[in-house]
């Protein structure tokens, strides 16, 4: 076998990235995603791309946030692992956006498993599998139940306190990982940092209360760099069991549409059965599945 050549790309040779096969449909999954040429790397053998990866970040980020595109040719898992290991950027997370039901199609599952083998060899471990949703007007606006009152809240401390309480009993794998690393304070702060990172207005954030004034939860309509999305929906532990997450999701969708959204993206962990049920009730179809890996640090 000939020697492996690993290259970080630039504008002059960015076309190399697109010469590899795309069995998992990553190009379609990222048609709204902007990748910088100089945050892409390829591994070549005899001039043929046998592995490729794209690091991604927001338009104002000076370092990548994650790896969201990774491919490896059959039998080249070690080349893919070396491509990741030798990268100049260290990120905490790598994700795959896969076709829905990919496990049920043998060749899709084989392609995914080869990539999973490579990223594990590069020092990543499975964090969570998620459903990706995309609401469009054809789905119909979810009905507002009218049980709650929604209003903006300018004080970040109100959201921080709500996030601490919400994450004290959560099914979300990312929040649980943050709690394991630094407690609920860290999980709450990471959420706030993400909301602030999004380019959408702070004024969109809303708190929800009962007509009697009891706090119920929060929702964050947002735009990430790819477009409008459900940034966060969370119900306080004391208010769970009433289906209020649906009310929050419906309101979040309406707010985004009122601000011009022609579609709304969203995601939830596959193990979060209550939230998945609320997305189904609100008319959000599953369009892809996401598998998140996180870096294993000493």
C-alpha atoms as a PDB file:
ATOM      1  CA  UNK A   1       0.000   0.000   0.000  1.00  0.00           C
ATOM      2  CA  UNK A   2       1.350   3.407  -0.952  1.00  0.00           C
ATOM      3  CA  UNK A   3       2.039   6.142   1.565  1.00  0.00           C
ATOM      4  CA  UNK A   4      -0.739   8.320   2.879  1.00  0.00           C
ATOM      5  CA  UNK A   5      -0.671  12.061   2.223  1.00  0.00           C
ATOM      6  CA  UNK A   6      -2.759  14.271   4.536  1.00  0.00           C
ATOM      7  CA  UNK A   7      -3.473  17.864   3.515  1.00  0.00           C
ATOM      8  CA  UNK A   8      -5.334  20.815   4.927  1.00  0.00           C
ATOM      9  CA  UNK A   9      -7.075  22.512   2.016  1.00  0.00           C
ATOM     10  CA  UNK A  10      -7.366  26.112   0.881  1.00  0.00           C
ATOM     11  CA  UNK A  11      -9.170  27.955  -1.904  1.00  0.00           C
ATOM     12  CA  UNK A  12      -6.813  26.565  -4.556  1.00  0.00           C
ATOM     13  CA  UNK A  13      -7.464  22.875  -3.878  1.00  0.00           C
ATOM     14  CA  UNK A  14     -10.823  22.906  -2.072  1.00  0.00           C
ATOM     15  CA  UNK A  15     -12.297  20.942  -4.995  1.00  0.00           C
ATOM     16  CA  UNK A  16     -10.503  17.820  -3.746  1.00  0.00           C
ATOM     17  CA  UNK A  17     -12.981  17.570  -0.889  1.00  0.00           C
ATOM     18  CA  UNK A  18     -15.832  16.973  -3.338  1.00  0.00           C
ATOM     19  CA  UNK A  19     -14.157  14.121  -5.219  1.00  0.00           C
ATOM     20  CA  UNK A  20     -14.945  11.477  -2.587  1.00  0.00           C
ATOM     21  CA  UNK A  21     -18.133   9.376  -2.683  1.00  0.00           C
ATOM     22  CA  UNK A  22     -21.021  10.520  -0.494  1.00  0.00           C
ATOM     23  CA  UNK A  23     -22.956   7.366   0.469  1.00  0.00           C
ATOM     24  CA  UNK A  24     -24.578   8.925   3.551  1.00  0.00           C
ATOM     25  CA  UNK A  25     -25.866  12.018   1.765  1.00  0.00           C
ATOM     26  CA  UNK A  26     -23.792  14.492   3.767  1.00  0.00           C
ATOM     27  CA  UNK A  27     -23.816  17.028   0.943  1.00  0.00           C
ATOM     28  CA  UNK A  28     -27.605  17.248   1.020  1.00  0.00           C
ATOM     29  CA  UNK A  29     -27.603  17.348   4.836  1.00  0.00           C
ATOM     30  CA  UNK A  30     -25.245  20.336   4.723  1.00  0.00           C
ATOM     31  CA  UNK A  31     -26.698  22.229   1.780  1.00  0.00           C
ATOM     32  CA  UNK A  32     -27.375  25.204   4.099  1.00  0.00           C
ATOM     33  CA  UNK A  33     -24.073  24.887   5.951  1.00  0.00           C
ATOM     34  CA  UNK A  34     -21.068  27.059   5.132  1.00  0.00           C
ATOM     35  CA  UNK A  35     -17.727  25.282   5.479  1.00  0.00           C
ATOM     36  CA  UNK A  36     -14.495  27.227   5.227  1.00  0.00           C
ATOM     37  CA  UNK A  37     -12.037  25.691   2.739  1.00  0.00           C
ATOM     38  CA  UNK A  38      -9.140  26.056   5.182  1.00  0.00           C
ATOM     39  CA  UNK A  39     -11.060  24.086   7.843  1.00  0.00           C
ATOM     40  CA  UNK A  40     -11.218  21.038   5.568  1.00  0.00           C
ATOM     41  CA  UNK A  41      -8.699  18.181   5.419  1.00  0.00           C
ATOM     42  CA  UNK A  42      -8.264  15.201   3.155  1.00  0.00           C
ATOM     43  CA  UNK A  43      -6.171  12.039   3.196  1.00  0.00           C
ATOM     44  CA  UNK A  44      -4.957  10.881  -0.225  1.00  0.00           C
ATOM     45  CA  UNK A  45      -3.497   7.630  -1.453  1.00  0.00           C
ATOM     46  CA  UNK A  46      -2.193   7.579  -5.027  1.00  0.00           C
ATOM     47  CA  UNK A  47      -3.902  10.933  -5.519  1.00  0.00           C
ATOM     48  CA  UNK A  48      -7.315   9.586  -4.525  1.00  0.00           C
ATOM     49  CA  UNK A  49      -9.185  10.949  -1.501  1.00  0.00           C
ATOM     50  CA  UNK A  50      -9.656   8.069   0.952  1.00  0.00           C
ATOM     51  CA  UNK A  51     -10.812  10.169   3.920  1.00  0.00           C
ATOM     52  CA  UNK A  52     -12.081  13.704   4.419  1.00  0.00           C
ATOM     53  CA  UNK A  53     -13.309  15.865   7.270  1.00  0.00           C
ATOM     54  CA  UNK A  54     -14.805  19.341   7.593  1.00  0.00           C
ATOM     55  CA  UNK A  55     -14.537  21.366  10.778  1.00  0.00           C
ATOM     56  CA  UNK A  56     -17.283  23.908  11.327  1.00  0.00           C
ATOM     57  CA  UNK A  57     -17.890  27.119  13.256  1.00  0.00           C
ATOM     58  CA  UNK A  58     -20.008  30.243  13.132  1.00  0.00           C
ATOM     59  CA  UNK A  59     -19.097  33.167  10.877  1.00  0.00           C
ATOM     60  CA  UNK A  60     -17.416  35.046  13.730  1.00  0.00           C
ATOM     61  CA  UNK A  61     -15.632  32.061  15.310  1.00  0.00           C
ATOM     62  CA  UNK A  62     -11.857  32.032  15.087  1.00  0.00           C
ATOM     63  CA  UNK A  63     -11.639  28.303  15.877  1.00  0.00           C
ATOM     64  CA  UNK A  64     -13.918  25.451  14.797  1.00  0.00           C
ATOM     65  CA  UNK A  65     -16.761  24.391  17.088  1.00  0.00           C
ATOM     66  CA  UNK A  66     -17.028  20.787  15.922  1.00  0.00           C
ATOM     67  CA  UNK A  67     -16.516  18.334  13.070  1.00  0.00           C
ATOM     68  CA  UNK A  68     -19.776  17.810  11.223  1.00  0.00           C
ATOM     69  CA  UNK A  69     -18.665  16.021   8.051  1.00  0.00           C
ATOM     70  CA  UNK A  70     -16.432  12.974   8.003  1.00  0.00           C
ATOM     71  CA  UNK A  71     -16.067  10.260   5.365  1.00  0.00           C
ATOM     72  CA  UNK A  72     -13.714   7.336   4.919  1.00  0.00           C
ATOM     73  CA  UNK A  73     -13.322   4.845   2.059  1.00  0.00           C
ATOM     74  CA  UNK A  74     -13.761   1.114   2.562  1.00  0.00           C
ATOM     75  CA  UNK A  75     -10.766  -0.359   4.352  1.00  0.00           C
ATOM     76  CA  UNK A  76      -9.272   3.074   5.100  1.00  0.00           C
ATOM     77  CA  UNK A  77     -10.480   3.469   8.689  1.00  0.00           C
ATOM     78  CA  UNK A  78      -6.959   4.000   9.994  1.00  0.00           C
ATOM     79  CA  UNK A  79      -6.321   6.688   7.380  1.00  0.00           C
ATOM     80  CA  UNK A  80      -9.469   8.446   8.577  1.00  0.00           C
ATOM     81  CA  UNK A  81      -8.365   8.168  12.187  1.00  0.00           C
ATOM     82  CA  UNK A  82      -4.955   9.606  11.334  1.00  0.00           C
ATOM     83  CA  UNK A  83      -6.599  12.482   9.468  1.00  0.00           C
ATOM     84  CA  UNK A  84      -8.468  13.410  12.661  1.00  0.00           C
ATOM     85  CA  UNK A  85      -5.599  12.746  15.081  1.00  0.00           C
ATOM     86  CA  UNK A  86      -3.177  15.025  13.241  1.00  0.00           C
ATOM     87  CA  UNK A  87      -5.560  17.951  12.813  1.00  0.00           C
ATOM     88  CA  UNK A  88      -4.386  21.347  14.103  1.00  0.00           C
ATOM     89  CA  UNK A  89      -7.774  21.955  15.816  1.00  0.00           C
ATOM     90  CA  UNK A  90      -8.982  20.159  18.920  1.00  0.00           C
ATOM     91  CA  UNK A  91     -12.762  20.069  19.186  1.00  0.00           C
ATOM     92  CA  UNK A  92     -14.976  18.402  21.756  1.00  0.00           C
ATOM     93  CA  UNK A  93     -17.546  16.954  19.395  1.00  0.00           C
ATOM     94  CA  UNK A  94     -17.970  15.198  16.053  1.00  0.00           C
ATOM     95  CA  UNK A  95     -21.384  14.543  14.522  1.00  0.00           C
ATOM     96  CA  UNK A  96     -22.929  12.569  11.694  1.00  0.00           C
ATOM     97  CA  UNK A  97     -26.229  13.575  10.057  1.00  0.00           C
ATOM     98  CA  UNK A  98     -27.534  10.287   8.684  1.00  0.00           C
ATOM     99  CA  UNK A  99     -30.570   9.282   6.624  1.00  0.00           C
ATOM    100  CA  UNK A 100     -33.565   8.303   8.719  1.00  0.00           C
ATOM    101  CA  UNK A 101     -33.705   4.571   9.446  1.00  0.00           C
ATOM    102  CA  UNK A 102     -30.094   4.096   8.345  1.00  0.00           C
ATOM    103  CA  UNK A 103     -29.713   0.965  10.475  1.00  0.00           C
ATOM    104  CA  UNK A 104     -32.367  -0.826   8.410  1.00  0.00           C
ATOM    105  CA  UNK A 105     -30.421  -0.547   5.143  1.00  0.00           C
ATOM    106  CA  UNK A 106     -27.362  -2.842   5.133  1.00  0.00           C
ATOM    107  CA  UNK A 107     -25.113  -0.703   2.935  1.00  0.00           C
ATOM    108  CA  UNK A 108     -25.958   2.488   4.860  1.00  0.00           C
ATOM    109  CA  UNK A 109     -25.264   0.758   8.151  1.00  0.00           C
ATOM    110  CA  UNK A 110     -21.949  -0.610   6.843  1.00  0.00           C
ATOM    111  CA  UNK A 111     -20.881   2.853   5.666  1.00  0.00           C
ATOM    112  CA  UNK A 112     -21.838   4.401   9.011  1.00  0.00           C
ATOM    113  CA  UNK A 113     -20.091   1.659  10.999  1.00  0.00           C
ATOM    114  CA  UNK A 114     -16.841   2.179   9.059  1.00  0.00           C
ATOM    115  CA  UNK A 115     -16.895   5.864   9.962  1.00  0.00           C
ATOM    116  CA  UNK A 116     -17.723   5.120  13.590  1.00  0.00           C
ATOM    117  CA  UNK A 117     -14.748   2.740  13.748  1.00  0.00           C
ATOM    118  CA  UNK A 118     -12.439   5.463  12.453  1.00  0.00           C
ATOM    119  CA  UNK A 119     -13.622   8.170  14.847  1.00  0.00           C
ATOM    120  CA  UNK A 120     -13.362   5.819  17.823  1.00  0.00           C
ATOM    121  CA  UNK A 121      -9.776   5.029  16.793  1.00  0.00           C
ATOM    122  CA  UNK A 122      -9.146   8.790  16.690  1.00  0.00           C
ATOM    123  CA  UNK A 123     -10.214   9.209  20.319  1.00  0.00           C
ATOM    124  CA  UNK A 124     -13.956   9.850  20.224  1.00  0.00           C
ATOM    125  CA  UNK A 125     -16.740   7.995  22.007  1.00  0.00           C
ATOM    126  CA  UNK A 126     -20.485   7.836  21.380  1.00  0.00           C
ATOM    127  CA  UNK A 127     -22.449  10.503  23.264  1.00  0.00           C
ATOM    128  CA  UNK A 128     -26.007  10.313  21.944  1.00  0.00           C
ATOM    129  CA  UNK A 129     -28.250   9.627  18.955  1.00  0.00           C
ATOM    130  CA  UNK A 130     -30.807  12.291  18.051  1.00  0.00           C
ATOM    131  CA  UNK A 131     -33.786  12.909  15.790  1.00  0.00           C
ATOM    132  CA  UNK A 132     -33.531  15.903  13.440  1.00  0.00           C
ATOM    133  CA  UNK A 133     -36.772  17.661  12.540  1.00  0.00           C
ATOM    134  CA  UNK A 134     -37.739  20.224   9.931  1.00  0.00           C
ATOM    135  CA  UNK A 135     -41.096  21.973  10.132  1.00  0.00           C
ATOM    136  CA  UNK A 136     -42.434  23.706   6.997  1.00  0.00           C
ATOM    137  CA  UNK A 137     -45.732  25.523   6.389  1.00  0.00           C
ATOM    138  CA  UNK A 138     -47.086  22.400   4.668  1.00  0.00           C
ATOM    139  CA  UNK A 139     -46.994  20.716   8.093  1.00  0.00           C
ATOM    140  CA  UNK A 140     -49.489  23.256   9.462  1.00  0.00           C
ATOM    141  CA  UNK A 141     -48.923  25.506  12.443  1.00  0.00           C
ATOM    142  CA  UNK A 142     -49.326  23.633  15.733  1.00  0.00           C
ATOM    143  CA  UNK A 143     -52.363  24.734  17.695  1.00  0.00           C
ATOM    144  CA  UNK A 144     -51.703  27.013  20.664  1.00  0.00           C
ATOM    145  CA  UNK A 145     -53.459  25.394  23.653  1.00  0.00           C
ATOM    146  CA  UNK A 146     -53.873  28.779  25.339  1.00  0.00           C
ATOM    147  CA  UNK A 147     -53.055  27.446  28.808  1.00  0.00           C
ATOM    148  CA  UNK A 148     -49.983  29.591  29.413  1.00  0.00           C
ATOM    149  CA  UNK A 149     -48.942  33.223  29.244  1.00  0.00           C
ATOM    150  CA  UNK A 150     -45.708  34.056  27.430  1.00  0.00           C
ATOM    151  CA  UNK A 151     -43.611  37.165  27.778  1.00  0.00           C
ATOM    152  CA  UNK A 152     -40.038  38.343  27.169  1.00  0.00           C
ATOM    153  CA  UNK A 153     -37.691  38.621  30.114  1.00  0.00           C
ATOM    154  CA  UNK A 154     -34.606  40.901  29.870  1.00  0.00           C
ATOM    155  CA  UNK A 155     -32.827  39.488  32.940  1.00  0.00           C
ATOM    156  CA  UNK A 156     -30.442  36.641  32.066  1.00  0.00           C
ATOM    157  CA  UNK A 157     -30.491  35.562  35.698  1.00  0.00           C
ATOM    158  CA  UNK A 158     -34.108  34.446  35.317  1.00  0.00           C
ATOM    159  CA  UNK A 159     -33.128  32.145  32.457  1.00  0.00           C
ATOM    160  CA  UNK A 160     -30.016  30.949  34.270  1.00  0.00           C
ATOM    161  CA  UNK A 161     -32.076  29.995  37.313  1.00  0.00           C
ATOM    162  CA  UNK A 162     -34.680  28.263  35.149  1.00  0.00           C
ATOM    163  CA  UNK A 163     -31.965  26.324  33.289  1.00  0.00           C
ATOM    164  CA  UNK A 164     -30.398  25.191  36.568  1.00  0.00           C
ATOM    165  CA  UNK A 165     -33.749  23.853  37.727  1.00  0.00           C
ATOM    166  CA  UNK A 166     -34.612  22.266  34.377  1.00  0.00           C
ATOM    167  CA  UNK A 167     -31.244  20.513  34.167  1.00  0.00           C
ATOM    168  CA  UNK A 168     -31.481  19.233  37.746  1.00  0.00           C
ATOM    169  CA  UNK A 169     -33.662  16.466  36.261  1.00  0.00           C
ATOM    170  CA  UNK A 170     -32.983  16.128  32.544  1.00  0.00           C
ATOM    171  CA  UNK A 171     -32.930  13.438  29.849  1.00  0.00           C
ATOM    172  CA  UNK A 172     -30.677  15.512  27.569  1.00  0.00           C
ATOM    173  CA  UNK A 173     -27.304  13.813  27.035  1.00  0.00           C
ATOM    174  CA  UNK A 174     -25.375  17.037  26.384  1.00  0.00           C
ATOM    175  CA  UNK A 175     -26.715  18.611  29.566  1.00  0.00           C
ATOM    176  CA  UNK A 176     -25.926  15.479  31.549  1.00  0.00           C
ATOM    177  CA  UNK A 177     -22.374  15.480  30.191  1.00  0.00           C
ATOM    178  CA  UNK A 178     -21.975  19.113  31.250  1.00  0.00           C
ATOM    179  CA  UNK A 179     -23.381  18.299  34.682  1.00  0.00           C
ATOM    180  CA  UNK A 180     -20.912  15.439  35.013  1.00  0.00           C
ATOM    181  CA  UNK A 181     -18.066  17.808  34.195  1.00  0.00           C
ATOM    182  CA  UNK A 182     -19.097  20.821  36.260  1.00  0.00           C
ATOM    183  CA  UNK A 183     -22.558  20.470  37.800  1.00  0.00           C
ATOM    184  CA  UNK A 184     -25.844  22.153  36.875  1.00  0.00           C
ATOM    185  CA  UNK A 185     -24.168  25.575  36.954  1.00  0.00           C
ATOM    186  CA  UNK A 186     -21.968  24.570  34.050  1.00  0.00           C
ATOM    187  CA  UNK A 187     -24.878  23.034  32.136  1.00  0.00           C
ATOM    188  CA  UNK A 188     -26.940  26.213  32.556  1.00  0.00           C
ATOM    189  CA  UNK A 189     -24.056  28.458  31.531  1.00  0.00           C
ATOM    190  CA  UNK A 190     -23.314  26.390  28.420  1.00  0.00           C
ATOM    191  CA  UNK A 191     -26.937  26.791  27.329  1.00  0.00           C
ATOM    192  CA  UNK A 192     -26.823  30.558  27.889  1.00  0.00           C
ATOM    193  CA  UNK A 193     -23.545  30.794  26.000  1.00  0.00           C
ATOM    194  CA  UNK A 194     -25.120  28.968  23.053  1.00  0.00           C
ATOM    195  CA  UNK A 195     -28.185  31.221  23.023  1.00  0.00           C
ATOM    196  CA  UNK A 196     -25.930  34.285  23.066  1.00  0.00           C
ATOM    197  CA  UNK A 197     -23.792  32.802  20.286  1.00  0.00           C
ATOM    198  CA  UNK A 198     -26.816  32.509  17.989  1.00  0.00           C
ATOM    199  CA  UNK A 199     -27.277  35.580  15.768  1.00  0.00           C
ATOM    200  CA  UNK A 200     -31.009  35.896  16.596  1.00  0.00           C
ATOM    201  CA  UNK A 201     -32.262  38.722  18.839  1.00  0.00           C
ATOM    202  CA  UNK A 202     -32.114  38.368  22.615  1.00  0.00           C
ATOM    203  CA  UNK A 203     -35.625  39.838  22.768  1.00  0.00           C
ATOM    204  CA  UNK A 204     -37.077  36.611  21.365  1.00  0.00           C
ATOM    205  CA  UNK A 205     -36.394  34.644  24.563  1.00  0.00           C
ATOM    206  CA  UNK A 206     -39.585  34.027  26.530  1.00  0.00           C
ATOM    207  CA  UNK A 207     -40.714  32.737  29.911  1.00  0.00           C
ATOM    208  CA  UNK A 208     -44.005  30.908  30.380  1.00  0.00           C
ATOM    209  CA  UNK A 209     -46.365  31.215  33.347  1.00  0.00           C
ATOM    210  CA  UNK A 210     -49.807  29.959  34.288  1.00  0.00           C
ATOM    211  CA  UNK A 211     -52.639  32.513  34.394  1.00  0.00           C
ATOM    212  CA  UNK A 212     -52.105  32.554  38.173  1.00  0.00           C
ATOM    213  CA  UNK A 213     -48.504  33.672  37.642  1.00  0.00           C
ATOM    214  CA  UNK A 214     -46.722  30.416  38.496  1.00  0.00           C
ATOM    215  CA  UNK A 215     -43.528  29.924  36.438  1.00  0.00           C
ATOM    216  CA  UNK A 216     -43.719  26.944  34.087  1.00  0.00           C
ATOM    217  CA  UNK A 217     -40.652  27.059  31.854  1.00  0.00           C
ATOM    218  CA  UNK A 218     -38.829  28.821  29.039  1.00  0.00           C
ATOM    219  CA  UNK A 219     -38.498  28.608  25.280  1.00  0.00           C
ATOM    220  CA  UNK A 220     -35.872  30.130  22.994  1.00  0.00           C
ATOM    221  CA  UNK A 221     -36.813  30.784  19.359  1.00  0.00           C
ATOM    222  CA  UNK A 222     -33.499  31.195  17.578  1.00  0.00           C
ATOM    223  CA  UNK A 223     -31.549  31.397  14.363  1.00  0.00           C
ATOM    224  CA  UNK A 224     -28.316  29.437  14.180  1.00  0.00           C
ATOM    225  CA  UNK A 225     -25.933  30.170  11.273  1.00  0.00           C
ATOM    226  CA  UNK A 226     -27.968  27.825   9.045  1.00  0.00           C
ATOM    227  CA  UNK A 227     -31.394  29.286   9.772  1.00  0.00           C
ATOM    228  CA  UNK A 228     -34.376  29.351  12.166  1.00  0.00           C
ATOM    229  CA  UNK A 229     -34.510  26.690  14.856  1.00  0.00           C
ATOM    230  CA  UNK A 230     -36.037  25.679  18.157  1.00  0.00           C
ATOM    231  CA  UNK A 231     -33.144  26.751  20.356  1.00  0.00           C
ATOM    232  CA  UNK A 232     -34.531  25.382  23.615  1.00  0.00           C
ATOM    233  CA  UNK A 233     -37.749  24.176  25.222  1.00  0.00           C
ATOM    234  CA  UNK A 234     -37.734  23.375  28.929  1.00  0.00           C
ATOM    235  CA  UNK A 235     -40.316  22.829  31.671  1.00  0.00           C
ATOM    236  CA  UNK A 236     -39.493  23.287  35.353  1.00  0.00           C
ATOM    237  CA  UNK A 237     -39.516  19.977  37.264  1.00  0.00           C
ATOM    238  CA  UNK A 238     -42.409  21.038  39.504  1.00  0.00           C
ATOM    239  CA  UNK A 239     -44.595  21.675  36.438  1.00  0.00           C
ATOM    240  CA  UNK A 240     -43.973  18.437  34.578  1.00  0.00           C
ATOM    241  CA  UNK A 241     -46.671  15.904  33.850  1.00  0.00           C
ATOM    242  CA  UNK A 242     -49.095  18.382  32.247  1.00  0.00           C
ATOM    243  CA  UNK A 243     -47.755  18.298  28.682  1.00  0.00           C
ATOM    244  CA  UNK A 244     -46.548  21.888  28.888  1.00  0.00           C
ATOM    245  CA  UNK A 245     -43.544  21.169  26.658  1.00  0.00           C
ATOM    246  CA  UNK A 246     -45.990  20.995  23.748  1.00  0.00           C
ATOM    247  CA  UNK A 247     -47.354  24.456  24.647  1.00  0.00           C
ATOM    248  CA  UNK A 248     -43.792  25.827  24.668  1.00  0.00           C
ATOM    249  CA  UNK A 249     -42.925  24.164  21.360  1.00  0.00           C
ATOM    250  CA  UNK A 250     -46.080  25.456  19.697  1.00  0.00           C
ATOM    251  CA  UNK A 251     -45.394  28.992  20.910  1.00  0.00           C
ATOM    252  CA  UNK A 252     -41.765  28.793  19.801  1.00  0.00           C
ATOM    253  CA  UNK A 253     -42.879  27.741  16.310  1.00  0.00           C
ATOM    254  CA  UNK A 254     -45.423  30.562  16.074  1.00  0.00           C
ATOM    255  CA  UNK A 255     -42.879  33.168  17.193  1.00  0.00           C
ATOM    256  CA  UNK A 256     -40.381  32.054  14.548  1.00  0.00           C
ATOM    257  CA  UNK A 257     -43.023  32.084  11.817  1.00  0.00           C
ATOM    258  CA  UNK A 258     -44.188  35.534  12.920  1.00  0.00           C
ATOM    259  CA  UNK A 259     -40.599  36.669  12.400  1.00  0.00           C
ATOM    260  CA  UNK A 260     -40.544  35.327   8.854  1.00  0.00           C
ATOM    261  CA  UNK A 261     -39.341  31.725   9.181  1.00  0.00           C
ATOM    262  CA  UNK A 262     -40.223  29.580   6.152  1.00  0.00           C
ATOM    263  CA  UNK A 263     -38.987  26.465   7.945  1.00  0.00           C
ATOM    264  CA  UNK A 264     -37.909  25.565  11.485  1.00  0.00           C
ATOM    265  CA  UNK A 265     -35.199  23.047  12.367  1.00  0.00           C
ATOM    266  CA  UNK A 266     -35.134  21.193  15.668  1.00  0.00           C
ATOM    267  CA  UNK A 267     -33.619  18.164  17.378  1.00  0.00           C
ATOM    268  CA  UNK A 268     -34.081  15.971  20.426  1.00  0.00           C
ATOM    269  CA  UNK A 269     -32.351  12.919  21.871  1.00  0.00           C
ATOM    270  CA  UNK A 270     -33.887   9.667  20.695  1.00  0.00           C
ATOM    271  CA  UNK A 271     -34.128   8.563  24.325  1.00  0.00           C
ATOM    272  CA  UNK A 272     -36.201  11.625  25.239  1.00  0.00           C
ATOM    273  CA  UNK A 273     -39.509   9.938  24.453  1.00  0.00           C
ATOM    274  CA  UNK A 274     -41.756  12.675  25.923  1.00  0.00           C
ATOM    275  CA  UNK A 275     -40.166  15.431  23.813  1.00  0.00           C
ATOM    276  CA  UNK A 276     -40.184  13.248  20.684  1.00  0.00           C
ATOM    277  CA  UNK A 277     -43.918  12.749  21.227  1.00  0.00           C
ATOM    278  CA  UNK A 278     -44.442  16.509  21.502  1.00  0.00           C
ATOM    279  CA  UNK A 279     -42.593  17.089  18.221  1.00  0.00           C
ATOM    280  CA  UNK A 280     -44.803  14.495  16.534  1.00  0.00           C
ATOM    281  CA  UNK A 281     -47.950  16.112  17.950  1.00  0.00           C
ATOM    282  CA  UNK A 282     -46.776  19.540  16.736  1.00  0.00           C
ATOM    283  CA  UNK A 283     -46.367  18.223  13.186  1.00  0.00           C
ATOM    284  CA  UNK A 284     -42.569  18.146  13.046  1.00  0.00           C
ATOM    285  CA  UNK A 285     -41.408  15.310  10.754  1.00  0.00           C
ATOM    286  CA  UNK A 286     -38.088  13.526  11.331  1.00  0.00           C
ATOM    287  CA  UNK A 287     -35.878  14.299   8.333  1.00  0.00           C
ATOM    288  CA  UNK A 288     -32.567  12.769   9.428  1.00  0.00           C
ATOM    289  CA  UNK A 289     -30.856  11.196  12.423  1.00  0.00           C
ATOM    290  CA  UNK A 290     -27.784  12.595  14.145  1.00  0.00           C
ATOM    291  CA  UNK A 291     -25.100  10.584  15.930  1.00  0.00           C
ATOM    292  CA  UNK A 292     -22.921  12.661  18.255  1.00  0.00           C
ATOM    293  CA  UNK A 293     -19.457  11.576  19.376  1.00  0.00           C
ATOM    294  CA  UNK A 294     -17.390  13.440  21.955  1.00  0.00           C
ATOM    295  CA  UNK A 295     -13.646  13.571  22.403  1.00  0.00           C
ATOM    296  CA  UNK A 296     -12.177  11.417  25.151  1.00  0.00           C
ATOM    297  CA  UNK A 297      -9.802  13.596  27.181  1.00  0.00           C
ATOM    298  CA  UNK A 298      -7.313  12.329  29.791  1.00  0.00           C
END
